[in-house]
Protein backbone atom coordinates (compact mmCIF):
# COMPACT_ATOMS: atom_id res chain seq x y z
CA MET A 1 -1.92 24.58 23.06
CA GLY A 2 0.68 22.19 22.01
CA LYS A 3 1.26 19.73 18.80
CA ILE A 4 -0.92 16.36 19.13
CA THR A 5 0.67 12.94 18.08
CA MET A 6 -0.04 11.90 14.62
CA LYS A 7 -2.16 8.69 16.59
CA GLU A 8 -3.91 11.60 18.78
CA TYR A 9 -4.92 13.37 15.97
CA GLN A 10 -6.80 10.37 13.89
CA GLN A 11 -8.81 9.14 16.84
CA LYS A 12 -9.99 12.73 17.69
CA MET A 13 -10.74 12.77 14.03
CA GLU A 14 -12.27 9.96 14.27
CA LYS A 15 -14.20 10.61 17.12
CA LYS A 16 -15.22 14.51 16.03
CA HIS A 17 -16.23 13.48 12.54
CA LYS A 18 -17.35 10.27 12.18
CA GLY A 19 -20.49 10.55 10.32
CA ALA A 20 -18.66 13.09 7.50
CA LEU A 21 -15.86 10.34 7.33
CA GLU A 22 -18.56 7.50 7.07
CA LEU A 23 -19.32 8.93 4.22
CA ILE A 24 -16.87 10.00 2.52
CA ASN A 25 -14.60 6.94 2.62
CA SER A 26 -17.62 4.97 1.07
CA LYS A 27 -17.40 7.46 -1.92
CA LEU A 28 -13.53 6.81 -1.99
CA LEU A 29 -13.52 2.77 -1.97
CA GLN A 30 -16.57 2.39 -4.77
CA VAL A 31 -13.55 3.88 -7.45
CA ASP A 32 -10.16 2.04 -8.29
CA SER A 33 -7.20 3.18 -7.36
CA PHE A 34 -6.27 5.02 -10.50
CA SER A 35 -9.57 7.02 -10.38
CA ARG A 36 -9.62 7.39 -6.68
CA GLY A 37 -6.55 10.42 -6.98
CA LYS A 38 -8.91 12.96 -9.01
CA MET A 39 -11.90 12.26 -6.42
CA LEU A 40 -9.79 12.57 -3.51
CA TYR A 41 -8.44 15.88 -4.58
CA ASP A 42 -11.45 16.78 -5.46
CA LEU A 43 -13.13 15.57 -2.17
CA LEU A 44 -10.85 18.18 -0.45
CA ASN A 45 -10.96 20.66 -2.26
CA THR A 46 -15.09 20.74 -1.54
CA ILE A 47 -14.90 19.69 2.29
CA ASN A 48 -15.50 22.76 4.69
CA ILE A 49 -14.46 20.77 7.74
CA ASN A 50 -10.40 22.68 7.57
CA ASP A 51 -9.22 20.45 10.45
CA LEU A 52 -10.17 17.16 9.15
CA LYS A 53 -8.41 17.51 5.52
CA TYR A 54 -4.74 16.75 6.89
CA TYR A 55 -6.48 13.63 7.94
CA ILE A 56 -8.46 12.75 4.42
CA PHE A 57 -5.02 13.45 2.70
CA CYS A 58 -2.87 11.36 5.09
CA ASN A 59 -5.77 8.27 5.27
CA TRP A 60 -6.10 7.90 1.55
CA TRP A 61 -2.80 9.31 -0.10
CA ASP A 62 -0.96 5.70 -0.20
CA SER A 63 -4.42 4.38 -2.10
CA ILE A 64 -4.28 6.51 -4.65
CA ASP A 65 -2.40 5.57 -8.54
CA SER A 66 -2.73 8.35 -10.30
CA TYR A 67 -3.33 12.35 -10.00
CA HIS A 68 -0.78 12.98 -6.87
CA SER A 69 0.64 15.94 -9.75
CA TYR A 70 -2.23 17.63 -8.32
CA PHE A 71 -1.95 18.48 -4.50
CA ASP A 72 -0.48 21.24 -3.97
CA GLU A 73 2.54 20.96 -1.10
CA PHE A 74 1.32 24.88 0.33
CA LYS A 75 -2.33 23.27 1.08
CA ILE A 76 -0.92 20.15 2.44
CA LYS A 77 0.56 22.57 4.75
CA GLU A 78 -1.80 24.21 5.80
CA TRP A 79 -3.71 21.58 6.48
CA LEU A 80 -0.34 20.17 8.20
CA GLU A 81 -0.83 23.92 10.51
CA CYS A 82 -4.50 23.48 11.20
CA ALA A 83 -4.30 19.90 12.07
CA ASN A 84 -1.46 20.97 14.46
CA VAL A 85 -0.12 17.41 14.76
CA ASP A 86 3.77 17.02 15.74
CA LEU A 87 5.09 14.38 12.52
CA GLU A 88 8.26 13.94 15.16
CA ILE A 89 10.40 14.36 12.60
CA ASP A 90 13.26 13.55 15.13
CA LYS A 91 13.18 10.30 15.11
CA LEU A 92 13.97 10.80 11.19
CA PRO A 93 17.15 10.60 10.03
CA ILE A 94 18.52 14.77 10.37
CA SER A 95 21.57 15.86 10.39
CA ASP A 96 22.21 19.89 10.86
CA GLY A 97 18.45 20.86 10.19
CA TYR A 98 18.49 18.93 6.84
CA MET A 99 18.00 15.03 5.65
CA LYS A 100 19.26 13.03 2.37
CA ILE A 101 16.07 12.02 0.11
CA TYR A 102 15.94 10.20 -3.06
CA ARG A 103 13.97 9.74 -5.65
CA GLY A 104 13.27 7.42 -8.58
CA THR A 105 12.32 8.64 -11.68
CA HIS A 106 11.93 7.95 -15.54
CA GLU A 107 9.72 9.00 -18.07
CA TYR A 108 6.49 9.02 -16.83
CA ASN A 109 6.55 11.25 -14.03
CA GLN A 110 7.87 15.24 -12.86
CA SER A 111 11.50 14.58 -11.77
CA TRP A 112 11.89 17.02 -8.65
CA ASP A 113 9.17 18.39 -8.75
CA GLY A 114 7.06 15.79 -7.25
CA LEU A 115 5.93 15.38 -3.67
CA SER A 116 7.02 11.49 -2.33
CA TRP A 117 10.48 10.91 -1.69
CA THR A 118 12.19 8.44 0.40
CA THR A 119 15.24 8.22 2.78
CA ASP A 120 15.65 4.84 1.11
CA ILE A 121 17.80 4.55 -1.80
CA LYS A 122 16.28 0.81 -2.80
CA VAL A 123 13.05 2.17 -2.43
CA ALA A 124 14.03 5.05 -5.43
CA LYS A 125 15.34 2.84 -7.60
CA LYS A 126 12.26 0.36 -7.50
CA PHE A 127 10.61 3.22 -8.47
CA ALA A 128 12.92 4.42 -11.10
CA ASN A 129 12.11 1.05 -12.85
CA GLY A 130 8.81 1.14 -12.91
CA CYS A 131 7.40 -0.35 -9.62
CA GLY A 132 4.78 3.07 -9.57
CA VAL A 133 3.24 2.62 -13.12
CA ARG A 134 3.42 -1.26 -12.88
CA PHE A 135 5.62 -2.10 -15.91
CA GLN A 136 9.22 -1.34 -16.87
CA THR A 137 10.22 1.89 -17.58
CA LYS A 138 12.76 2.46 -20.60
CA HIS A 139 14.94 5.50 -18.68
CA PRO A 140 14.97 5.17 -15.30
CA LYS A 141 16.77 7.79 -12.91
CA LEU A 142 17.79 8.16 -9.15
CA LEU A 143 17.47 11.99 -8.01
CA THR A 144 19.27 12.70 -4.39
CA GLY A 145 18.17 16.07 -2.91
CA ILE A 146 17.92 17.09 0.45
CA VAL A 147 15.27 18.42 2.31
CA GLN A 148 15.01 21.15 5.67
CA ARG A 149 13.39 19.76 8.54
CA GLU A 150 10.79 22.13 8.32
CA ASP A 151 9.62 21.41 4.80
CA ILE A 152 8.36 18.04 5.58
CA ILE A 153 4.88 17.96 5.32
CA GLY A 154 4.14 13.61 5.56
CA ILE A 155 5.29 11.05 6.75
CA PHE A 156 4.35 7.50 5.51
CA ASN A 157 5.58 4.20 6.02
CA GLU A 158 2.50 1.60 5.95
CA ARG A 159 4.08 0.21 2.89
CA ASN A 160 7.75 0.01 3.98
CA GLU A 161 8.57 2.69 1.64
CA LYS A 162 9.92 5.39 4.04
CA GLU A 163 7.97 8.31 1.85
CA ILE A 164 8.52 11.59 3.10
CA LEU A 165 6.21 14.30 1.56
CA CYS A 166 8.24 17.57 0.67
CA LEU A 167 7.40 21.04 0.25
CA ILE A 168 10.53 22.28 -1.51
CA VAL A 169 13.88 19.88 -2.32
CA GLU A 170 17.17 21.16 -2.76
CA GLU A 171 18.43 19.17 -5.99
CA GLY A 172 21.88 17.53 -5.35
CA SER A 173 22.24 15.00 -7.93
CA GLU A 174 20.79 13.07 -10.69
CA GLU A 175 22.22 9.03 -11.69
CA GLU A 176 20.99 7.31 -14.83
CA LEU A 177 20.36 3.43 -14.29
CA GLU A 178 20.79 0.74 -15.84
CA LYS A 179 17.45 -1.23 -16.25
CA GLU A 180 16.61 -3.86 -13.76
CA HIS A 181 17.22 -7.42 -15.09
CA GLY A 182 14.82 -9.94 -15.85
CA GLN A 183 11.88 -7.11 -16.81
CA VAL A 184 11.19 -6.51 -20.10
CA ASN A 185 9.18 -3.45 -21.62
CA LYS A 186 5.93 -3.36 -23.02
CA GLU A 187 7.24 -3.40 -26.58
CA GLU A 188 9.78 -6.06 -26.64
CA ILE A 189 6.56 -8.56 -25.38
CA PRO A 190 6.45 -10.95 -28.38
CA PHE A 191 2.17 -11.29 -28.27
């Protein structure tokens, strides 16, 4: 059987598992974005409906602000394979089986080990300067790596971040960035 598009997969899951999704969604909506990551992680580890896990993960990934490091990239790959979804990787800027990707890092995140990368250098710089933690960081860095097409396990662009979830990233360069002008650190606020 051939793979289905993400849209077809979503429609199939919404029809097939309507009751379960209503319950799961109501639970996840009851908590804030910082608590939601742990709840999503716990739910995905207790649900026995394997073909639904990738749907739930993709549906909620962009709405969590913590606990990202607990999600195992190899489990996500299993969920993707079980879902039988075509991520339409051919629409991405891939050359010779690889794609150049960027990640904005700072003193509060995982550097090279993180799942979330982007194809847009401006987005990576924004995250390096504190977008993900909602305040200016002290040590912004830009990482540039490459990913093989078969190591792409998720594509998200609902927030215009051109986010790519990667199983394995081949390290490239690491560049210290200047802090963006007009922003201050918490310690620099005089009150």
